[in-house]
Amino acid sequence: MIIVSNEQDEYWMAKAITLATEAEALGEVPVGAIVVLDDKIIGQGFNRSIIDNDPSAHAEMLAIRDAAKHIENYRIVNATLYVTLEPCPMCAGAIVHSRIKRVVYGASDQKTGAAGSVMNLLTHTALNHKVDVHNGCLSDVCSTQISDFFKMRRKQIKAKRTEEKAKAKDDTCSTKTE
């Protein structure tokens, strides 16, 4: 795997980060993705799994679907997918099937990453299409965005539990005094 951080990749990754910010504003895990062909965005998406009640509504899947509709072809040959978080196995499968040429991602995913962290489906020898993978593009920004989101989410969960315990205690106290 090659670490790339050239200006063009950073330019497009910044666009994907903007989409991740949109996802976060809606309460989704902040992941954004764009598909670029001939220096133009032909597809874009951000995580919508929670909003859409759809486990397949990952940023990459939505960007790939958008790109395929845009070019009116399920094969997205010679395109580059920029995504703020390393693709999972589901998304990696869609990337291979769509024949995307290149994937550039920001943050590695040590739990479900399928582009080198946990496994590498994008260059697996048994598959009929190999994807050129570049990791680490604006990784600090991408990693911080997702880490901060999960810190905030854990804080919210803890606050909710504390509130529920206090309410339960109040309910118990009020029942005893009646």
N, C-alpha and C. Protein backbone atom coordinates (compact mmCIF):
# COMPACT_ATOMS: atom_id res chain seq x y z
N MET A 1 0.84 -1.17 0.00
CA MET A 1 0.00 0.00 0.00
C MET A 1 0.89 1.24 0.00
N ILE A 2 0.56 2.21 -0.80
CA ILE A 2 1.36 3.43 -0.94
C ILE A 2 0.67 4.57 -0.21
N ILE A 3 1.47 5.33 0.56
CA ILE A 3 0.91 6.51 1.21
C ILE A 3 1.09 7.68 0.26
N VAL A 4 -0.01 8.30 -0.11
CA VAL A 4 0.00 9.40 -1.07
C VAL A 4 -0.57 10.64 -0.41
N SER A 5 0.00 11.77 -0.70
CA SER A 5 -0.53 13.00 -0.13
C SER A 5 -0.29 14.15 -1.11
N ASN A 6 -0.60 13.92 -2.37
CA ASN A 6 -0.38 14.99 -3.34
C ASN A 6 -1.53 15.98 -3.35
N GLU A 7 -1.29 17.12 -3.93
CA GLU A 7 -2.28 18.22 -3.91
C GLU A 7 -3.62 17.83 -4.51
N GLN A 8 -3.61 17.12 -5.63
CA GLN A 8 -4.87 16.75 -6.26
C GLN A 8 -5.68 15.82 -5.35
N ASP A 9 -5.04 14.83 -4.77
CA ASP A 9 -5.75 13.93 -3.86
C ASP A 9 -6.28 14.69 -2.65
N GLU A 10 -5.49 15.60 -2.12
CA GLU A 10 -5.94 16.39 -0.97
C GLU A 10 -7.12 17.29 -1.33
N TYR A 11 -7.11 17.83 -2.54
CA TYR A 11 -8.23 18.66 -2.99
C TYR A 11 -9.53 17.87 -2.97
N TRP A 12 -9.51 16.66 -3.57
CA TRP A 12 -10.72 15.84 -3.64
C TRP A 12 -11.10 15.30 -2.27
N MET A 13 -10.10 14.94 -1.46
CA MET A 13 -10.41 14.44 -0.12
C MET A 13 -11.08 15.52 0.71
N ALA A 14 -10.69 16.76 0.53
CA ALA A 14 -11.34 17.86 1.25
C ALA A 14 -12.83 17.92 0.91
N LYS A 15 -13.18 17.61 -0.32
CA LYS A 15 -14.60 17.56 -0.72
C LYS A 15 -15.32 16.42 0.01
N ALA A 16 -14.65 15.29 0.13
CA ALA A 16 -15.24 14.15 0.85
C ALA A 16 -15.40 14.48 2.34
N ILE A 17 -14.45 15.21 2.90
CA ILE A 17 -14.54 15.61 4.31
C ILE A 17 -15.75 16.52 4.52
N THR A 18 -16.02 17.39 3.57
CA THR A 18 -17.20 18.26 3.65
C THR A 18 -18.48 17.42 3.71
N LEU A 19 -18.53 16.37 2.91
CA LEU A 19 -19.70 15.48 2.94
C LEU A 19 -19.79 14.74 4.28
N ALA A 20 -18.65 14.35 4.83
CA ALA A 20 -18.65 13.69 6.13
C ALA A 20 -19.22 14.62 7.20
N THR A 21 -18.92 15.89 7.09
CA THR A 21 -19.45 16.88 8.02
C THR A 21 -20.97 16.97 7.91
N GLU A 22 -21.49 16.86 6.69
CA GLU A 22 -22.94 16.84 6.49
C GLU A 22 -23.57 15.63 7.19
N ALA A 23 -22.90 14.47 7.06
CA ALA A 23 -23.42 13.26 7.73
C ALA A 23 -23.46 13.46 9.23
N GLU A 24 -22.39 14.02 9.77
CA GLU A 24 -22.31 14.24 11.22
C GLU A 24 -23.41 15.18 11.70
N ALA A 25 -23.70 16.21 10.93
CA ALA A 25 -24.75 17.17 11.30
C ALA A 25 -26.11 16.49 11.40
N LEU A 26 -26.27 15.37 10.70
CA LEU A 26 -27.53 14.62 10.73
C LEU A 26 -27.51 13.48 11.75
N GLY A 27 -26.41 13.38 12.51
CA GLY A 27 -26.29 12.34 13.51
C GLY A 27 -25.74 11.03 12.99
N GLU A 28 -25.26 11.05 11.77
CA GLU A 28 -24.67 9.85 11.16
C GLU A 28 -23.17 9.80 11.46
N VAL A 29 -22.59 8.61 11.36
CA VAL A 29 -21.15 8.48 11.47
C VAL A 29 -20.54 9.31 10.33
N PRO A 30 -19.60 10.21 10.64
CA PRO A 30 -19.10 11.15 9.63
C PRO A 30 -18.14 10.51 8.62
N VAL A 31 -18.74 9.97 7.58
CA VAL A 31 -17.96 9.42 6.46
C VAL A 31 -18.53 10.01 5.19
N GLY A 32 -17.64 10.53 4.34
CA GLY A 32 -18.05 11.08 3.06
C GLY A 32 -17.23 10.45 1.94
N ALA A 33 -17.83 10.39 0.75
CA ALA A 33 -17.15 9.78 -0.40
C ALA A 33 -17.54 10.49 -1.68
N ILE A 34 -16.59 10.59 -2.59
CA ILE A 34 -16.86 11.10 -3.93
C ILE A 34 -16.19 10.21 -4.95
N VAL A 35 -16.77 10.16 -6.13
CA VAL A 35 -16.17 9.45 -7.26
C VAL A 35 -15.79 10.51 -8.28
N VAL A 36 -14.55 10.47 -8.71
CA VAL A 36 -14.03 11.45 -9.65
C VAL A 36 -13.59 10.73 -10.93
N LEU A 37 -14.02 11.30 -12.05
CA LEU A 37 -13.62 10.80 -13.37
C LEU A 37 -13.30 12.00 -14.24
N ASP A 38 -12.13 11.98 -14.86
CA ASP A 38 -11.70 13.09 -15.72
C ASP A 38 -11.80 14.44 -15.00
N ASP A 39 -11.32 14.47 -13.77
CA ASP A 39 -11.29 15.69 -12.94
C ASP A 39 -12.67 16.30 -12.67
N LYS A 40 -13.70 15.46 -12.65
CA LYS A 40 -15.05 15.92 -12.32
C LYS A 40 -15.68 14.95 -11.33
N ILE A 41 -16.44 15.49 -10.40
CA ILE A 41 -17.19 14.63 -9.48
C ILE A 41 -18.39 14.07 -10.25
N ILE A 42 -18.45 12.73 -10.31
CA ILE A 42 -19.58 12.10 -10.98
C ILE A 42 -20.50 11.39 -10.00
N GLY A 43 -20.05 11.30 -8.75
CA GLY A 43 -20.87 10.66 -7.73
C GLY A 43 -20.43 11.10 -6.35
N GLN A 44 -21.38 11.20 -5.45
CA GLN A 44 -21.03 11.58 -4.08
C GLN A 44 -22.04 11.00 -3.12
N GLY A 45 -21.60 10.86 -1.87
CA GLY A 45 -22.49 10.36 -0.85
C GLY A 45 -21.87 10.50 0.52
N PHE A 46 -22.72 10.43 1.53
CA PHE A 46 -22.25 10.37 2.91
C PHE A 46 -23.12 9.36 3.63
N ASN A 47 -22.62 8.87 4.75
CA ASN A 47 -23.35 7.84 5.48
C ASN A 47 -24.79 8.27 5.75
N ARG A 48 -25.73 7.33 5.48
CA ARG A 48 -27.15 7.57 5.71
C ARG A 48 -27.82 6.32 6.28
N SER A 49 -27.05 5.42 6.84
CA SER A 49 -27.60 4.16 7.35
C SER A 49 -28.67 4.38 8.40
N ILE A 50 -28.45 5.31 9.33
CA ILE A 50 -29.39 5.55 10.42
C ILE A 50 -30.65 6.23 9.88
N ILE A 51 -30.46 7.30 9.12
CA ILE A 51 -31.59 8.07 8.58
C ILE A 51 -32.46 7.21 7.67
N ASP A 52 -31.82 6.43 6.82
CA ASP A 52 -32.55 5.63 5.84
C ASP A 52 -32.95 4.24 6.35
N ASN A 53 -32.53 3.90 7.57
CA ASN A 53 -32.75 2.54 8.08
C ASN A 53 -32.27 1.51 7.07
N ASP A 54 -31.05 1.73 6.59
CA ASP A 54 -30.49 0.91 5.51
C ASP A 54 -29.04 0.60 5.83
N PRO A 55 -28.73 -0.65 6.19
CA PRO A 55 -27.36 -0.99 6.53
C PRO A 55 -26.39 -0.85 5.36
N SER A 56 -26.90 -0.78 4.14
CA SER A 56 -26.01 -0.63 2.98
C SER A 56 -25.81 0.83 2.57
N ALA A 57 -26.38 1.77 3.30
CA ALA A 57 -26.29 3.19 2.92
C ALA A 57 -25.00 3.83 3.42
N HIS A 58 -23.89 3.19 3.11
CA HIS A 58 -22.58 3.75 3.44
C HIS A 58 -22.22 4.80 2.38
N ALA A 59 -21.33 5.70 2.75
CA ALA A 59 -20.93 6.79 1.86
C ALA A 59 -20.44 6.26 0.50
N GLU A 60 -19.61 5.23 0.53
CA GLU A 60 -19.06 4.67 -0.71
C GLU A 60 -20.16 4.10 -1.60
N MET A 61 -21.08 3.35 -0.98
CA MET A 61 -22.17 2.73 -1.75
C MET A 61 -23.01 3.80 -2.44
N LEU A 62 -23.33 4.86 -1.70
CA LEU A 62 -24.16 5.93 -2.27
C LEU A 62 -23.41 6.69 -3.36
N ALA A 63 -22.12 6.91 -3.16
CA ALA A 63 -21.32 7.60 -4.19
C ALA A 63 -21.20 6.75 -5.45
N ILE A 64 -21.02 5.45 -5.28
CA ILE A 64 -20.91 4.54 -6.43
C ILE A 64 -22.24 4.48 -7.18
N ARG A 65 -23.34 4.37 -6.46
CA ARG A 65 -24.67 4.36 -7.11
C ARG A 65 -24.90 5.66 -7.89
N ASP A 66 -24.55 6.78 -7.28
CA ASP A 66 -24.70 8.09 -7.92
C ASP A 66 -23.85 8.17 -9.19
N ALA A 67 -22.62 7.71 -9.10
CA ALA A 67 -21.72 7.75 -10.27
C ALA A 67 -22.24 6.86 -11.40
N ALA A 68 -22.69 5.67 -11.06
CA ALA A 68 -23.21 4.75 -12.08
C ALA A 68 -24.41 5.35 -12.81
N LYS A 69 -25.29 6.00 -12.05
CA LYS A 69 -26.44 6.67 -12.67
C LYS A 69 -25.98 7.81 -13.57
N HIS A 70 -24.98 8.55 -13.08
CA HIS A 70 -24.48 9.71 -13.83
C HIS A 70 -23.92 9.30 -15.19
N ILE A 71 -23.14 8.22 -15.20
CA ILE A 71 -22.54 7.80 -16.49
C ILE A 71 -23.38 6.75 -17.21
N GLU A 72 -24.49 6.36 -16.58
CA GLU A 72 -25.41 5.36 -17.14
C GLU A 72 -24.71 4.05 -17.46
N ASN A 73 -23.92 3.59 -16.49
CA ASN A 73 -23.20 2.34 -16.65
C ASN A 73 -22.83 1.83 -15.25
N TYR A 74 -22.98 0.54 -15.03
CA TYR A 74 -22.63 -0.02 -13.73
C TYR A 74 -21.13 -0.22 -13.59
N ARG A 75 -20.40 -0.10 -14.66
CA ARG A 75 -18.93 -0.15 -14.64
C ARG A 75 -18.42 1.29 -14.63
N ILE A 76 -17.63 1.62 -13.63
CA ILE A 76 -17.12 2.98 -13.47
C ILE A 76 -15.61 2.96 -13.69
N VAL A 77 -15.24 2.55 -14.88
CA VAL A 77 -13.84 2.34 -15.25
C VAL A 77 -13.06 3.67 -15.24
N ASN A 78 -11.82 3.58 -14.79
CA ASN A 78 -10.88 4.71 -14.75
C ASN A 78 -11.24 5.79 -13.74
N ALA A 79 -12.15 5.53 -12.84
CA ALA A 79 -12.54 6.52 -11.84
C ALA A 79 -11.75 6.30 -10.54
N THR A 80 -11.72 7.35 -9.74
CA THR A 80 -11.11 7.29 -8.41
C THR A 80 -12.18 7.57 -7.37
N LEU A 81 -12.21 6.74 -6.33
CA LEU A 81 -13.10 6.95 -5.20
C LEU A 81 -12.28 7.53 -4.06
N TYR A 82 -12.72 8.67 -3.56
CA TYR A 82 -12.12 9.29 -2.38
C TYR A 82 -13.08 9.09 -1.23
N VAL A 83 -12.58 8.55 -0.12
CA VAL A 83 -13.44 8.29 1.04
C VAL A 83 -12.66 8.58 2.31
N THR A 84 -13.35 9.17 3.28
CA THR A 84 -12.67 9.61 4.49
C THR A 84 -12.28 8.47 5.43
N LEU A 85 -12.92 7.32 5.30
CA LEU A 85 -12.62 6.15 6.13
C LEU A 85 -12.42 4.94 5.24
N GLU A 86 -11.48 4.12 5.60
CA GLU A 86 -11.19 2.90 4.84
C GLU A 86 -12.47 2.09 4.60
N PRO A 87 -12.68 1.64 3.37
CA PRO A 87 -13.90 0.88 3.05
C PRO A 87 -14.00 -0.43 3.84
N CYS A 88 -15.25 -0.79 4.17
CA CYS A 88 -15.55 -2.06 4.82
C CYS A 88 -15.65 -3.15 3.74
N PRO A 89 -15.82 -4.42 4.11
CA PRO A 89 -15.94 -5.48 3.11
C PRO A 89 -17.08 -5.28 2.11
N MET A 90 -18.24 -4.80 2.58
CA MET A 90 -19.37 -4.58 1.67
C MET A 90 -18.99 -3.55 0.61
N CYS A 91 -18.43 -2.44 1.06
CA CYS A 91 -18.07 -1.37 0.13
C CYS A 91 -16.92 -1.79 -0.79
N ALA A 92 -15.98 -2.54 -0.24
CA ALA A 92 -14.87 -3.03 -1.06
C ALA A 92 -15.40 -3.93 -2.18
N GLY A 93 -16.39 -4.76 -1.87
CA GLY A 93 -17.00 -5.60 -2.91
C GLY A 93 -17.64 -4.77 -4.01
N ALA A 94 -18.35 -3.72 -3.63
CA ALA A 94 -18.97 -2.84 -4.63
C ALA A 94 -17.91 -2.12 -5.47
N ILE A 95 -16.82 -1.74 -4.83
CA ILE A 95 -15.73 -1.07 -5.55
C ILE A 95 -15.14 -2.01 -6.60
N VAL A 96 -14.89 -3.25 -6.22
CA VAL A 96 -14.35 -4.24 -7.16
C VAL A 96 -15.34 -4.49 -8.30
N HIS A 97 -16.60 -4.70 -7.96
CA HIS A 97 -17.60 -5.00 -8.99
C HIS A 97 -17.84 -3.83 -9.94
N SER A 98 -17.69 -2.63 -9.45
CA SER A 98 -17.91 -1.46 -10.31
C SER A 98 -16.69 -1.14 -11.17
N ARG A 99 -15.58 -1.81 -10.91
CA ARG A 99 -14.33 -1.64 -11.66
C ARG A 99 -13.69 -0.26 -11.46
N ILE A 100 -13.93 0.34 -10.30
CA ILE A 100 -13.24 1.58 -9.98
C ILE A 100 -11.75 1.30 -10.00
N LYS A 101 -11.00 2.20 -10.58
CA LYS A 101 -9.57 1.99 -10.79
C LYS A 101 -8.75 2.24 -9.53
N ARG A 102 -9.14 3.26 -8.78
CA ARG A 102 -8.28 3.73 -7.70
C ARG A 102 -9.14 4.15 -6.49
N VAL A 103 -8.66 3.83 -5.29
CA VAL A 103 -9.30 4.26 -4.06
C VAL A 103 -8.28 5.02 -3.23
N VAL A 104 -8.68 6.19 -2.77
CA VAL A 104 -7.86 7.01 -1.88
C VAL A 104 -8.68 7.19 -0.61
N TYR A 105 -8.12 6.76 0.53
CA TYR A 105 -8.86 6.94 1.77
C TYR A 105 -8.01 7.65 2.81
N GLY A 106 -8.71 8.26 3.77
CA GLY A 106 -8.05 9.03 4.80
C GLY A 106 -7.69 8.20 6.02
N ALA A 107 -8.67 7.89 6.86
CA ALA A 107 -8.44 7.18 8.11
C ALA A 107 -8.53 5.67 7.91
N SER A 108 -7.63 4.96 8.55
CA SER A 108 -7.69 3.51 8.55
C SER A 108 -8.76 3.05 9.53
N ASP A 109 -9.33 1.88 9.25
CA ASP A 109 -10.36 1.30 10.13
C ASP A 109 -9.84 -0.02 10.66
N GLN A 110 -9.38 -0.02 11.90
CA GLN A 110 -8.77 -1.20 12.50
C GLN A 110 -9.78 -2.28 12.88
N LYS A 111 -11.07 -1.99 12.75
CA LYS A 111 -12.10 -2.98 13.09
C LYS A 111 -12.67 -3.68 11.87
N THR A 112 -12.95 -2.91 10.81
CA THR A 112 -13.60 -3.51 9.63
C THR A 112 -12.95 -3.11 8.31
N GLY A 113 -11.77 -2.56 8.35
CA GLY A 113 -11.11 -2.09 7.13
C GLY A 113 -10.79 -3.23 6.17
N ALA A 114 -11.24 -3.06 4.92
CA ALA A 114 -11.05 -4.11 3.91
C ALA A 114 -10.15 -3.63 2.77
N ALA A 115 -9.31 -2.62 3.07
CA ALA A 115 -8.36 -2.13 2.07
C ALA A 115 -6.94 -2.17 2.64
N GLY A 116 -6.72 -3.10 3.58
CA GLY A 116 -5.39 -3.28 4.11
C GLY A 116 -5.27 -3.37 5.62
N SER A 117 -6.18 -2.78 6.38
CA SER A 117 -6.05 -2.79 7.84
C SER A 117 -6.39 -4.15 8.46
N VAL A 118 -7.58 -4.66 8.18
CA VAL A 118 -7.99 -5.96 8.70
C VAL A 118 -7.81 -7.03 7.62
N MET A 119 -8.17 -6.67 6.42
CA MET A 119 -8.04 -7.54 5.24
C MET A 119 -7.88 -6.63 4.03
N ASN A 120 -7.59 -7.22 2.89
CA ASN A 120 -7.50 -6.40 1.69
C ASN A 120 -8.22 -7.06 0.53
N LEU A 121 -9.49 -6.74 0.40
CA LEU A 121 -10.29 -7.29 -0.70
C LEU A 121 -10.00 -6.57 -2.01
N LEU A 122 -9.52 -5.34 -1.93
CA LEU A 122 -9.34 -4.54 -3.16
C LEU A 122 -8.19 -5.04 -4.03
N THR A 123 -7.27 -5.78 -3.45
CA THR A 123 -6.16 -6.32 -4.25
C THR A 123 -6.03 -7.83 -4.10
N HIS A 124 -7.10 -8.46 -3.63
CA HIS A 124 -7.07 -9.91 -3.39
C HIS A 124 -6.80 -10.66 -4.69
N THR A 125 -5.90 -11.60 -4.64
CA THR A 125 -5.50 -12.34 -5.84
C THR A 125 -6.61 -13.19 -6.44
N ALA A 126 -7.58 -13.59 -5.64
CA ALA A 126 -8.67 -14.43 -6.15
C ALA A 126 -9.71 -13.63 -6.94
N LEU A 127 -9.70 -12.33 -6.82
CA LEU A 127 -10.70 -11.51 -7.50
C LEU A 127 -10.22 -11.10 -8.88
N ASN A 128 -11.18 -10.84 -9.76
CA ASN A 128 -10.86 -10.56 -11.16
C ASN A 128 -10.50 -9.10 -11.43
N HIS A 129 -10.61 -8.24 -10.44
CA HIS A 129 -10.24 -6.82 -10.62
C HIS A 129 -9.44 -6.38 -9.42
N LYS A 130 -8.33 -5.73 -9.67
CA LYS A 130 -7.48 -5.20 -8.61
C LYS A 130 -7.57 -3.68 -8.63
N VAL A 131 -7.68 -3.09 -7.44
CA VAL A 131 -7.82 -1.65 -7.30
C VAL A 131 -6.51 -1.08 -6.77
N ASP A 132 -6.12 0.04 -7.32
CA ASP A 132 -4.94 0.76 -6.85
C ASP A 132 -5.35 1.50 -5.58
N VAL A 133 -4.74 1.18 -4.44
CA VAL A 133 -5.15 1.72 -3.15
C VAL A 133 -4.08 2.67 -2.61
N HIS A 134 -4.54 3.84 -2.17
CA HIS A 134 -3.66 4.83 -1.54
C HIS A 134 -4.29 5.22 -0.22
N ASN A 135 -3.54 5.06 0.87
CA ASN A 135 -4.11 5.41 2.17
C ASN A 135 -3.37 6.59 2.78
N GLY A 136 -4.02 7.20 3.75
CA GLY A 136 -3.39 8.24 4.53
C GLY A 136 -3.55 9.66 4.01
N CYS A 137 -4.38 9.87 3.02
CA CYS A 137 -4.58 11.22 2.48
C CYS A 137 -5.39 12.03 3.49
N LEU A 138 -4.82 13.10 4.01
CA LEU A 138 -5.43 13.93 5.05
C LEU A 138 -5.90 13.08 6.23
N SER A 139 -5.09 12.08 6.55
CA SER A 139 -5.48 11.12 7.59
C SER A 139 -5.70 11.77 8.95
N ASP A 140 -4.92 12.78 9.29
CA ASP A 140 -5.10 13.44 10.59
C ASP A 140 -6.49 14.06 10.70
N VAL A 141 -6.90 14.75 9.65
CA VAL A 141 -8.22 15.40 9.65
C VAL A 141 -9.32 14.35 9.70
N CYS A 142 -9.20 13.34 8.84
CA CYS A 142 -10.23 12.29 8.78
C CYS A 142 -10.31 11.51 10.09
N SER A 143 -9.17 11.14 10.64
CA SER A 143 -9.14 10.38 11.90
C SER A 143 -9.71 11.20 13.05
N THR A 144 -9.33 12.46 13.12
CA THR A 144 -9.83 13.33 14.19
C THR A 144 -11.33 13.50 14.10
N GLN A 145 -11.84 13.68 12.88
CA GLN A 145 -13.28 13.88 12.70
C GLN A 145 -14.06 12.68 13.22
N ILE A 146 -13.63 11.50 12.87
CA ILE A 146 -14.38 10.31 13.29
C ILE A 146 -14.15 10.01 14.77
N SER A 147 -12.94 10.22 15.27
CA SER A 147 -12.66 9.99 16.70
C SER A 147 -13.47 10.95 17.57
N ASP A 148 -13.49 12.21 17.19
CA ASP A 148 -14.25 13.20 17.95
C ASP A 148 -15.74 12.86 17.97
N PHE A 149 -16.24 12.37 16.84
CA PHE A 149 -17.65 11.98 16.77
C PHE A 149 -17.96 10.88 17.79
N PHE A 150 -17.10 9.84 17.82
CA PHE A 150 -17.37 8.73 18.73
C PHE A 150 -17.14 9.12 20.19
N LYS A 151 -16.21 10.03 20.47
CA LYS A 151 -16.05 10.55 21.84
C LYS A 151 -17.33 11.26 22.27
N MET A 152 -17.86 12.10 21.39
CA MET A 152 -19.09 12.83 21.68
C MET A 152 -20.25 11.84 21.87
N ARG A 153 -20.32 10.84 21.02
CA ARG A 153 -21.39 9.84 21.12
C ARG A 153 -21.31 9.09 22.45
N ARG A 154 -20.10 8.69 22.86
CA ARG A 154 -19.94 7.99 24.14
C ARG A 154 -20.34 8.91 25.30
N LYS A 155 -19.99 10.17 25.21
CA LYS A 155 -20.34 11.15 26.24
C LYS A 155 -21.87 11.29 26.34
N GLN A 156 -22.54 11.34 25.20
CA GLN A 156 -24.01 11.43 25.18
C GLN A 156 -24.64 10.20 25.82
N ILE A 157 -24.12 9.04 25.51
CA ILE A 157 -24.65 7.79 26.06
C ILE A 157 -24.46 7.77 27.57
N LYS A 158 -23.28 8.18 28.04
CA LYS A 158 -23.01 8.22 29.48
C LYS A 158 -23.95 9.20 30.18
N ALA A 159 -24.15 10.38 29.58
CA ALA A 159 -25.05 11.38 30.17
C ALA A 159 -26.48 10.85 30.24
N LYS A 160 -26.90 10.14 29.21
CA LYS A 160 -28.25 9.59 29.19
C LYS A 160 -28.42 8.54 30.28
N ARG A 161 -27.42 7.69 30.46
CA ARG A 161 -27.48 6.67 31.52
C ARG A 161 -27.54 7.32 32.89
N THR A 162 -26.72 8.34 33.09
CA THR A 162 -26.71 9.06 34.37
C THR A 162 -28.08 9.68 34.64
N GLU A 163 -28.66 10.28 33.60
CA GLU A 163 -29.99 10.89 33.72
C GLU A 163 -31.04 9.84 34.06
N GLU A 164 -30.98 8.69 33.39
CA GLU A 164 -31.94 7.61 33.64
C GLU A 164 -31.82 7.07 35.06
N LYS A 165 -30.58 6.95 35.55
CA LYS A 165 -30.37 6.47 36.93
C LYS A 165 -30.93 7.47 37.93
N ALA A 166 -30.70 8.76 37.68
CA ALA A 166 -31.21 9.80 38.58
C ALA A 166 -32.73 9.80 38.58
N LYS A 167 -33.33 9.63 37.42
CA LYS A 167 -34.79 9.60 37.32
C LYS A 167 -35.34 8.37 38.06
N ALA A 168 -34.70 7.25 37.89
CA ALA A 168 -35.13 6.02 38.56
C ALA A 168 -35.03 6.18 40.07
N LYS A 169 -33.96 6.83 40.53
CA LYS A 169 -33.79 7.07 41.97
C LYS A 169 -34.88 8.02 42.48
N ASP A 170 -35.16 9.09 41.72
CA ASP A 170 -36.22 10.02 42.10
C ASP A 170 -37.58 9.32 42.16
N ASP A 171 -37.85 8.45 41.20
CA ASP A 171 -39.12 7.71 41.18
C ASP A 171 -39.23 6.81 42.39
N THR A 172 -38.14 6.17 42.78
CA THR A 172 -38.12 5.29 43.95
C THR A 172 -38.37 6.10 45.23
N CYS A 173 -37.70 7.24 45.34
CA CYS A 173 -37.86 8.11 46.53
C CYS A 173 -39.29 8.65 46.65
N SER A 174 -39.87 9.07 45.54
CA SER A 174 -41.22 9.63 45.58
C SER A 174 -42.26 8.56 45.91
N THR A 175 -42.02 7.34 45.53
CA THR A 175 -42.95 6.25 45.82
C THR A 175 -42.92 5.93 47.32
N LYS A 176 -41.73 5.98 47.95
CA LYS A 176 -41.60 5.67 49.36
C LYS A 176 -42.27 6.74 50.26
N THR A 177 -42.25 8.00 49.82
CA THR A 177 -42.80 9.07 50.64
C THR A 177 -44.31 9.19 50.52
N GLU A 178 -44.89 8.55 49.58
CA GLU A 178 -46.36 8.68 49.39
C GLU A 178 -47.11 7.83 50.27
